[in-house]
Amino acid sequence: MTTATGAHRVELDCPPDDVTAVHEFLARVWQAEPSVSAEDRMALELALVELASNVIEHAGRARGVACQVDLACSAEGYAAVVTDDGAPASVDPGAAALPDDLAESGRGLALVQMVVDDLRYDRVGDRNRWSLHRARHD
């Protein structure tokens, strides 16, 4: 659902929703925001799909999780917030590093860090909040 020009939101209830809903959401955003460069689209897609995937896999555990993705686009750049009602995260996004080449997992937050200018995690009440910023690359 697009809430206003420049501000976009999708709400997920996982399951049955999964990261496909995030891809579909971003496809709608790119239609509404044709000035977003291909480089920014790829970076934001990687970051938001990875964060949503982590939320679904880790925060929801066996009970599922409600998740919301907000993305604001401006002439200066992009701000996104992913919130969920899952278990608190026990990671420091600032300490994320790529694992060795043979590792089967553990790359997500490090990849997100590589494509955004700022990534933060906060626990606000009973919700997790992942915030990211990326300057526009035209």
N, C-alpha and C. Protein backbone atom coordinates (compact mmCIF):
# COMPACT_ATOMS: atom_id res chain seq x y z
N MET A 1 0.84 -1.17 0.00
CA MET A 1 0.00 0.00 0.00
C MET A 1 0.89 1.24 0.00
N THR A 2 0.67 2.16 -0.88
CA THR A 2 1.39 3.42 -0.92
C THR A 2 0.60 4.44 -0.12
N THR A 3 1.22 5.05 0.86
CA THR A 3 0.50 5.98 1.73
C THR A 3 0.54 7.41 1.21
N ALA A 4 1.57 7.82 0.50
CA ALA A 4 1.66 9.16 -0.07
C ALA A 4 2.86 9.20 -1.00
N THR A 5 2.89 10.18 -1.86
CA THR A 5 4.03 10.30 -2.76
C THR A 5 5.31 10.39 -1.94
N GLY A 6 6.24 9.53 -2.24
CA GLY A 6 7.51 9.52 -1.53
C GLY A 6 7.51 8.64 -0.30
N ALA A 7 6.34 8.29 0.24
CA ALA A 7 6.25 7.43 1.42
C ALA A 7 5.45 6.19 1.07
N HIS A 8 6.01 5.02 1.36
CA HIS A 8 5.41 3.77 0.95
C HIS A 8 5.44 2.78 2.12
N ARG A 9 4.41 1.92 2.19
CA ARG A 9 4.32 0.96 3.30
C ARG A 9 3.71 -0.35 2.82
N VAL A 10 4.24 -1.43 3.38
CA VAL A 10 3.62 -2.74 3.21
C VAL A 10 3.60 -3.41 4.58
N GLU A 11 2.49 -4.08 4.87
CA GLU A 11 2.37 -4.82 6.12
C GLU A 11 2.29 -6.31 5.79
N LEU A 12 3.07 -7.10 6.51
CA LEU A 12 3.14 -8.53 6.27
C LEU A 12 2.70 -9.29 7.51
N ASP A 13 2.02 -10.38 7.30
CA ASP A 13 1.68 -11.30 8.37
C ASP A 13 2.28 -12.64 7.95
N CYS A 14 3.38 -13.02 8.60
CA CYS A 14 4.19 -14.16 8.17
C CYS A 14 4.08 -15.32 9.15
N PRO A 15 3.66 -16.51 8.74
CA PRO A 15 3.04 -16.78 7.44
C PRO A 15 1.61 -16.25 7.40
N PRO A 16 0.99 -16.15 6.28
CA PRO A 16 1.35 -16.74 5.00
C PRO A 16 2.30 -15.88 4.16
N ASP A 17 2.41 -14.57 4.47
CA ASP A 17 3.29 -13.71 3.67
C ASP A 17 4.74 -14.14 3.82
N ASP A 18 5.54 -13.81 2.82
CA ASP A 18 6.98 -14.08 2.86
C ASP A 18 7.68 -12.97 2.09
N VAL A 19 8.96 -13.14 1.78
CA VAL A 19 9.72 -12.07 1.13
C VAL A 19 9.21 -11.75 -0.27
N THR A 20 8.43 -12.62 -0.86
CA THR A 20 7.82 -12.32 -2.15
C THR A 20 6.99 -11.05 -2.05
N ALA A 21 6.32 -10.86 -0.93
CA ALA A 21 5.51 -9.66 -0.72
C ALA A 21 6.38 -8.40 -0.72
N VAL A 22 7.61 -8.50 -0.24
CA VAL A 22 8.52 -7.36 -0.25
C VAL A 22 8.96 -7.05 -1.68
N HIS A 23 9.27 -8.09 -2.46
CA HIS A 23 9.62 -7.88 -3.87
C HIS A 23 8.46 -7.20 -4.61
N GLU A 24 7.24 -7.67 -4.37
CA GLU A 24 6.06 -7.09 -5.03
C GLU A 24 5.84 -5.65 -4.59
N PHE A 25 6.02 -5.39 -3.30
CA PHE A 25 5.92 -4.03 -2.77
C PHE A 25 6.91 -3.11 -3.47
N LEU A 26 8.17 -3.55 -3.56
CA LEU A 26 9.20 -2.70 -4.18
C LEU A 26 8.92 -2.50 -5.68
N ALA A 27 8.37 -3.47 -6.35
CA ALA A 27 8.00 -3.28 -7.76
C ALA A 27 6.98 -2.14 -7.89
N ARG A 28 6.03 -2.09 -6.96
CA ARG A 28 5.05 -0.98 -6.96
C ARG A 28 5.73 0.36 -6.64
N VAL A 29 6.68 0.33 -5.70
CA VAL A 29 7.39 1.57 -5.35
C VAL A 29 8.14 2.09 -6.57
N TRP A 30 8.84 1.21 -7.30
CA TRP A 30 9.63 1.66 -8.45
C TRP A 30 8.72 2.24 -9.53
N GLN A 31 7.52 1.72 -9.68
CA GLN A 31 6.56 2.31 -10.64
C GLN A 31 6.16 3.71 -10.20
N ALA A 32 5.97 3.89 -8.90
CA ALA A 32 5.56 5.19 -8.37
C ALA A 32 6.73 6.17 -8.27
N GLU A 33 7.95 5.65 -8.26
CA GLU A 33 9.16 6.47 -8.08
C GLU A 33 10.13 6.21 -9.23
N PRO A 34 9.78 6.63 -10.45
CA PRO A 34 10.63 6.31 -11.61
C PRO A 34 12.01 6.96 -11.58
N SER A 35 12.23 7.95 -10.73
CA SER A 35 13.54 8.60 -10.69
C SER A 35 14.58 7.81 -9.89
N VAL A 36 14.17 6.73 -9.21
CA VAL A 36 15.12 5.93 -8.44
C VAL A 36 16.02 5.19 -9.43
N SER A 37 17.33 5.39 -9.29
CA SER A 37 18.29 4.77 -10.23
C SER A 37 18.31 3.25 -10.07
N ALA A 38 18.80 2.58 -11.09
CA ALA A 38 18.93 1.12 -11.04
C ALA A 38 19.85 0.70 -9.89
N GLU A 39 20.92 1.45 -9.64
CA GLU A 39 21.84 1.14 -8.55
C GLU A 39 21.13 1.22 -7.20
N ASP A 40 20.34 2.29 -7.00
CA ASP A 40 19.61 2.44 -5.74
C ASP A 40 18.54 1.37 -5.59
N ARG A 41 17.87 1.03 -6.69
CA ARG A 41 16.85 -0.02 -6.64
C ARG A 41 17.46 -1.34 -6.19
N MET A 42 18.57 -1.71 -6.79
CA MET A 42 19.22 -2.98 -6.43
C MET A 42 19.66 -2.98 -4.97
N ALA A 43 20.25 -1.88 -4.53
CA ALA A 43 20.73 -1.79 -3.15
C ALA A 43 19.57 -1.86 -2.15
N LEU A 44 18.52 -1.11 -2.40
CA LEU A 44 17.38 -1.09 -1.49
C LEU A 44 16.65 -2.44 -1.49
N GLU A 45 16.55 -3.05 -2.65
CA GLU A 45 15.91 -4.37 -2.72
C GLU A 45 16.71 -5.39 -1.91
N LEU A 46 18.02 -5.39 -2.10
CA LEU A 46 18.86 -6.32 -1.33
C LEU A 46 18.68 -6.08 0.16
N ALA A 47 18.76 -4.83 0.58
CA ALA A 47 18.69 -4.50 2.00
C ALA A 47 17.34 -4.86 2.60
N LEU A 48 16.26 -4.48 1.95
CA LEU A 48 14.95 -4.70 2.54
C LEU A 48 14.51 -6.16 2.49
N VAL A 49 14.85 -6.85 1.42
CA VAL A 49 14.52 -8.28 1.36
C VAL A 49 15.34 -9.04 2.39
N GLU A 50 16.59 -8.69 2.56
CA GLU A 50 17.43 -9.37 3.55
C GLU A 50 16.93 -9.11 4.97
N LEU A 51 16.59 -7.88 5.28
CA LEU A 51 16.06 -7.58 6.62
C LEU A 51 14.75 -8.31 6.87
N ALA A 52 13.85 -8.28 5.89
CA ALA A 52 12.57 -8.98 6.06
C ALA A 52 12.79 -10.48 6.20
N SER A 53 13.71 -11.02 5.44
CA SER A 53 14.01 -12.45 5.54
C SER A 53 14.53 -12.80 6.92
N ASN A 54 15.41 -11.97 7.44
CA ASN A 54 15.93 -12.19 8.80
C ASN A 54 14.82 -12.11 9.85
N VAL A 55 13.93 -11.15 9.70
CA VAL A 55 12.81 -11.02 10.63
C VAL A 55 11.96 -12.28 10.59
N ILE A 56 11.61 -12.73 9.40
CA ILE A 56 10.75 -13.90 9.26
C ILE A 56 11.44 -15.14 9.84
N GLU A 57 12.72 -15.30 9.56
CA GLU A 57 13.44 -16.49 10.02
C GLU A 57 13.74 -16.47 11.51
N HIS A 58 14.18 -15.33 12.03
CA HIS A 58 14.69 -15.30 13.40
C HIS A 58 13.72 -14.72 14.43
N ALA A 59 13.01 -13.67 14.08
CA ALA A 59 12.15 -13.01 15.07
C ALA A 59 10.85 -13.77 15.28
N GLY A 60 10.33 -14.38 14.23
CA GLY A 60 9.04 -15.04 14.34
C GLY A 60 9.08 -16.38 15.02
N ARG A 61 10.21 -17.06 14.90
CA ARG A 61 10.33 -18.40 15.46
C ARG A 61 9.15 -19.23 14.98
N ALA A 62 8.60 -20.06 15.79
CA ALA A 62 7.55 -20.97 15.35
C ALA A 62 6.17 -20.32 15.27
N ARG A 63 5.98 -19.18 15.93
CA ARG A 63 4.65 -18.59 16.01
C ARG A 63 4.30 -17.66 14.86
N GLY A 64 5.24 -17.30 14.04
CA GLY A 64 4.99 -16.32 13.00
C GLY A 64 5.29 -14.92 13.52
N VAL A 65 5.19 -13.94 12.62
CA VAL A 65 5.54 -12.57 12.98
C VAL A 65 4.79 -11.59 12.08
N ALA A 66 4.37 -10.48 12.67
CA ALA A 66 3.80 -9.37 11.91
C ALA A 66 4.93 -8.37 11.65
N CYS A 67 5.06 -7.94 10.43
CA CYS A 67 6.18 -7.09 10.01
C CYS A 67 5.65 -5.95 9.14
N GLN A 68 6.25 -4.80 9.27
CA GLN A 68 5.89 -3.63 8.47
C GLN A 68 7.15 -3.05 7.87
N VAL A 69 7.09 -2.71 6.58
CA VAL A 69 8.21 -2.08 5.90
C VAL A 69 7.75 -0.71 5.41
N ASP A 70 8.45 0.33 5.86
CA ASP A 70 8.19 1.70 5.41
C ASP A 70 9.40 2.18 4.64
N LEU A 71 9.17 2.79 3.48
CA LEU A 71 10.26 3.32 2.66
C LEU A 71 9.89 4.73 2.23
N ALA A 72 10.76 5.68 2.54
CA ALA A 72 10.56 7.07 2.13
C ALA A 72 11.64 7.43 1.12
N CYS A 73 11.21 7.99 0.01
CA CYS A 73 12.12 8.40 -1.06
C CYS A 73 12.10 9.93 -1.15
N SER A 74 13.29 10.51 -1.22
CA SER A 74 13.38 11.97 -1.36
C SER A 74 14.48 12.30 -2.35
N ALA A 75 14.63 13.58 -2.63
CA ALA A 75 15.68 14.02 -3.54
C ALA A 75 17.07 13.73 -2.98
N GLU A 76 17.19 13.66 -1.65
CA GLU A 76 18.47 13.42 -1.01
C GLU A 76 18.81 11.94 -0.87
N GLY A 77 17.77 11.11 -0.72
CA GLY A 77 18.05 9.69 -0.52
C GLY A 77 16.85 8.93 -0.02
N TYR A 78 17.12 7.87 0.72
CA TYR A 78 16.09 6.92 1.11
C TYR A 78 16.22 6.60 2.59
N ALA A 79 15.08 6.46 3.22
CA ALA A 79 15.04 6.03 4.62
C ALA A 79 14.02 4.90 4.70
N ALA A 80 14.41 3.82 5.33
CA ALA A 80 13.50 2.69 5.48
C ALA A 80 13.50 2.24 6.93
N VAL A 81 12.35 1.75 7.36
CA VAL A 81 12.21 1.20 8.69
C VAL A 81 11.44 -0.11 8.56
N VAL A 82 12.02 -1.15 9.13
CA VAL A 82 11.37 -2.45 9.18
C VAL A 82 11.07 -2.72 10.65
N THR A 83 9.80 -2.88 10.98
CA THR A 83 9.41 -3.16 12.36
C THR A 83 8.71 -4.51 12.43
N ASP A 84 8.82 -5.15 13.57
CA ASP A 84 8.14 -6.43 13.75
C ASP A 84 7.83 -6.65 15.22
N ASP A 85 6.92 -7.59 15.46
CA ASP A 85 6.50 -7.90 16.82
C ASP A 85 7.14 -9.19 17.34
N GLY A 86 8.27 -9.54 16.77
CA GLY A 86 8.94 -10.79 17.13
C GLY A 86 9.86 -10.66 18.32
N ALA A 87 10.59 -11.74 18.53
CA ALA A 87 11.56 -11.80 19.62
C ALA A 87 12.65 -10.75 19.42
N PRO A 88 13.20 -10.22 20.50
CA PRO A 88 14.29 -9.23 20.36
C PRO A 88 15.48 -9.83 19.62
N ALA A 89 16.12 -9.01 18.82
CA ALA A 89 17.32 -9.44 18.10
C ALA A 89 18.51 -9.41 19.06
N SER A 90 19.41 -10.34 18.88
CA SER A 90 20.59 -10.39 19.75
C SER A 90 21.86 -10.14 18.93
N VAL A 91 21.74 -9.23 17.96
CA VAL A 91 22.89 -8.92 17.11
C VAL A 91 23.14 -7.42 17.12
N ASP A 92 24.38 -7.06 16.83
CA ASP A 92 24.77 -5.67 16.67
C ASP A 92 25.05 -5.46 15.19
N PRO A 93 24.17 -4.72 14.48
CA PRO A 93 24.40 -4.55 13.04
C PRO A 93 25.74 -3.88 12.72
N GLY A 94 26.25 -3.08 13.63
CA GLY A 94 27.54 -2.43 13.41
C GLY A 94 28.71 -3.39 13.44
N ALA A 95 28.52 -4.55 14.05
CA ALA A 95 29.58 -5.54 14.14
C ALA A 95 29.45 -6.63 13.08
N ALA A 96 28.48 -6.50 12.18
CA ALA A 96 28.27 -7.52 11.16
C ALA A 96 29.47 -7.61 10.23
N ALA A 97 29.90 -8.83 9.96
CA ALA A 97 31.03 -9.08 9.06
C ALA A 97 30.72 -10.31 8.22
N LEU A 98 31.26 -10.34 7.04
CA LEU A 98 31.06 -11.50 6.17
C LEU A 98 31.77 -12.72 6.75
N PRO A 99 31.09 -13.86 6.76
CA PRO A 99 31.74 -15.09 7.23
C PRO A 99 32.67 -15.63 6.13
N ASP A 100 33.35 -16.73 6.42
CA ASP A 100 34.24 -17.29 5.40
C ASP A 100 33.42 -17.81 4.22
N ASP A 101 34.10 -18.08 3.12
CA ASP A 101 33.44 -18.45 1.87
C ASP A 101 32.60 -19.71 1.96
N LEU A 102 32.91 -20.62 2.86
CA LEU A 102 32.18 -21.88 2.95
C LEU A 102 30.99 -21.84 3.90
N ALA A 103 30.81 -20.73 4.61
CA ALA A 103 29.68 -20.61 5.55
C ALA A 103 28.36 -20.64 4.78
N GLU A 104 27.37 -21.30 5.36
CA GLU A 104 26.08 -21.41 4.71
C GLU A 104 25.11 -20.29 5.10
N SER A 105 25.45 -19.52 6.11
CA SER A 105 24.60 -18.41 6.53
C SER A 105 25.45 -17.34 7.20
N GLY A 106 24.80 -16.26 7.63
CA GLY A 106 25.51 -15.23 8.37
C GLY A 106 25.99 -14.06 7.54
N ARG A 107 25.54 -13.97 6.28
CA ARG A 107 25.99 -12.88 5.42
C ARG A 107 25.03 -11.68 5.40
N GLY A 108 23.80 -11.90 5.82
CA GLY A 108 22.74 -10.93 5.63
C GLY A 108 23.03 -9.52 6.08
N LEU A 109 23.28 -9.33 7.36
CA LEU A 109 23.50 -7.97 7.86
C LEU A 109 24.76 -7.35 7.30
N ALA A 110 25.80 -8.16 7.05
CA ALA A 110 27.02 -7.63 6.45
C ALA A 110 26.74 -7.12 5.04
N LEU A 111 25.92 -7.84 4.28
CA LEU A 111 25.56 -7.38 2.94
C LEU A 111 24.74 -6.10 3.00
N VAL A 112 23.82 -6.04 3.94
CA VAL A 112 23.02 -4.82 4.09
C VAL A 112 23.94 -3.64 4.40
N GLN A 113 24.88 -3.83 5.33
CA GLN A 113 25.83 -2.77 5.69
C GLN A 113 26.61 -2.27 4.46
N MET A 114 26.88 -3.18 3.52
CA MET A 114 27.67 -2.81 2.34
C MET A 114 26.91 -1.91 1.37
N VAL A 115 25.56 -1.93 1.40
CA VAL A 115 24.79 -1.19 0.40
C VAL A 115 24.02 0.00 0.97
N VAL A 116 24.13 0.23 2.28
CA VAL A 116 23.48 1.40 2.88
C VAL A 116 24.52 2.25 3.59
N ASP A 117 24.14 3.48 3.87
CA ASP A 117 25.05 4.38 4.57
C ASP A 117 24.95 4.23 6.09
N ASP A 118 23.78 3.79 6.56
CA ASP A 118 23.58 3.65 8.00
C ASP A 118 22.53 2.57 8.25
N LEU A 119 22.83 1.68 9.19
CA LEU A 119 21.90 0.63 9.60
C LEU A 119 21.89 0.58 11.12
N ARG A 120 20.69 0.64 11.70
CA ARG A 120 20.56 0.64 13.16
C ARG A 120 19.45 -0.32 13.58
N TYR A 121 19.62 -0.86 14.78
CA TYR A 121 18.60 -1.71 15.38
C TYR A 121 18.25 -1.16 16.75
N ASP A 122 16.95 -1.10 17.05
CA ASP A 122 16.46 -0.68 18.37
C ASP A 122 15.31 -1.59 18.76
N ARG A 123 15.17 -1.80 20.04
CA ARG A 123 13.98 -2.46 20.58
C ARG A 123 13.15 -1.35 21.18
N VAL A 124 11.96 -1.13 20.66
CA VAL A 124 11.08 -0.06 21.12
C VAL A 124 9.81 -0.71 21.66
N GLY A 125 9.68 -0.71 22.97
CA GLY A 125 8.55 -1.40 23.59
C GLY A 125 8.65 -2.89 23.30
N ASP A 126 7.62 -3.41 22.68
CA ASP A 126 7.60 -4.83 22.34
C ASP A 126 7.86 -5.07 20.85
N ARG A 127 8.51 -4.10 20.20
CA ARG A 127 8.76 -4.21 18.75
C ARG A 127 10.25 -4.02 18.44
N ASN A 128 10.69 -4.74 17.42
CA ASN A 128 12.03 -4.54 16.86
C ASN A 128 11.92 -3.48 15.78
N ARG A 129 12.94 -2.64 15.68
CA ARG A 129 12.96 -1.59 14.65
C ARG A 129 14.34 -1.57 14.01
N TRP A 130 14.36 -1.87 12.72
CA TRP A 130 15.58 -1.78 11.91
C TRP A 130 15.44 -0.55 11.04
N SER A 131 16.37 0.40 11.13
CA SER A 131 16.33 1.64 10.36
C SER A 131 17.55 1.70 9.46
N LEU A 132 17.32 2.09 8.22
CA LEU A 132 18.44 2.26 7.30
C LEU A 132 18.29 3.54 6.50
N HIS A 133 19.44 4.06 6.10
CA HIS A 133 19.49 5.25 5.25
C HIS A 133 20.48 5.00 4.12
N ARG A 134 20.15 5.55 2.97
CA ARG A 134 21.04 5.47 1.81
C ARG A 134 20.91 6.78 1.05
N ALA A 135 22.04 7.40 0.77
CA ALA A 135 22.04 8.60 -0.05
C ALA A 135 21.71 8.22 -1.49
N ARG A 136 21.10 9.15 -2.19
CA ARG A 136 20.73 8.90 -3.59
C ARG A 136 22.01 8.82 -4.44
N HIS A 137 22.06 7.81 -5.30
CA HIS A 137 23.15 7.63 -6.26
C HIS A 137 22.58 7.70 -7.66
N ASP A 138 22.57 8.90 -8.24
CA ASP A 138 21.97 9.07 -9.58
C ASP A 138 22.95 8.80 -10.69
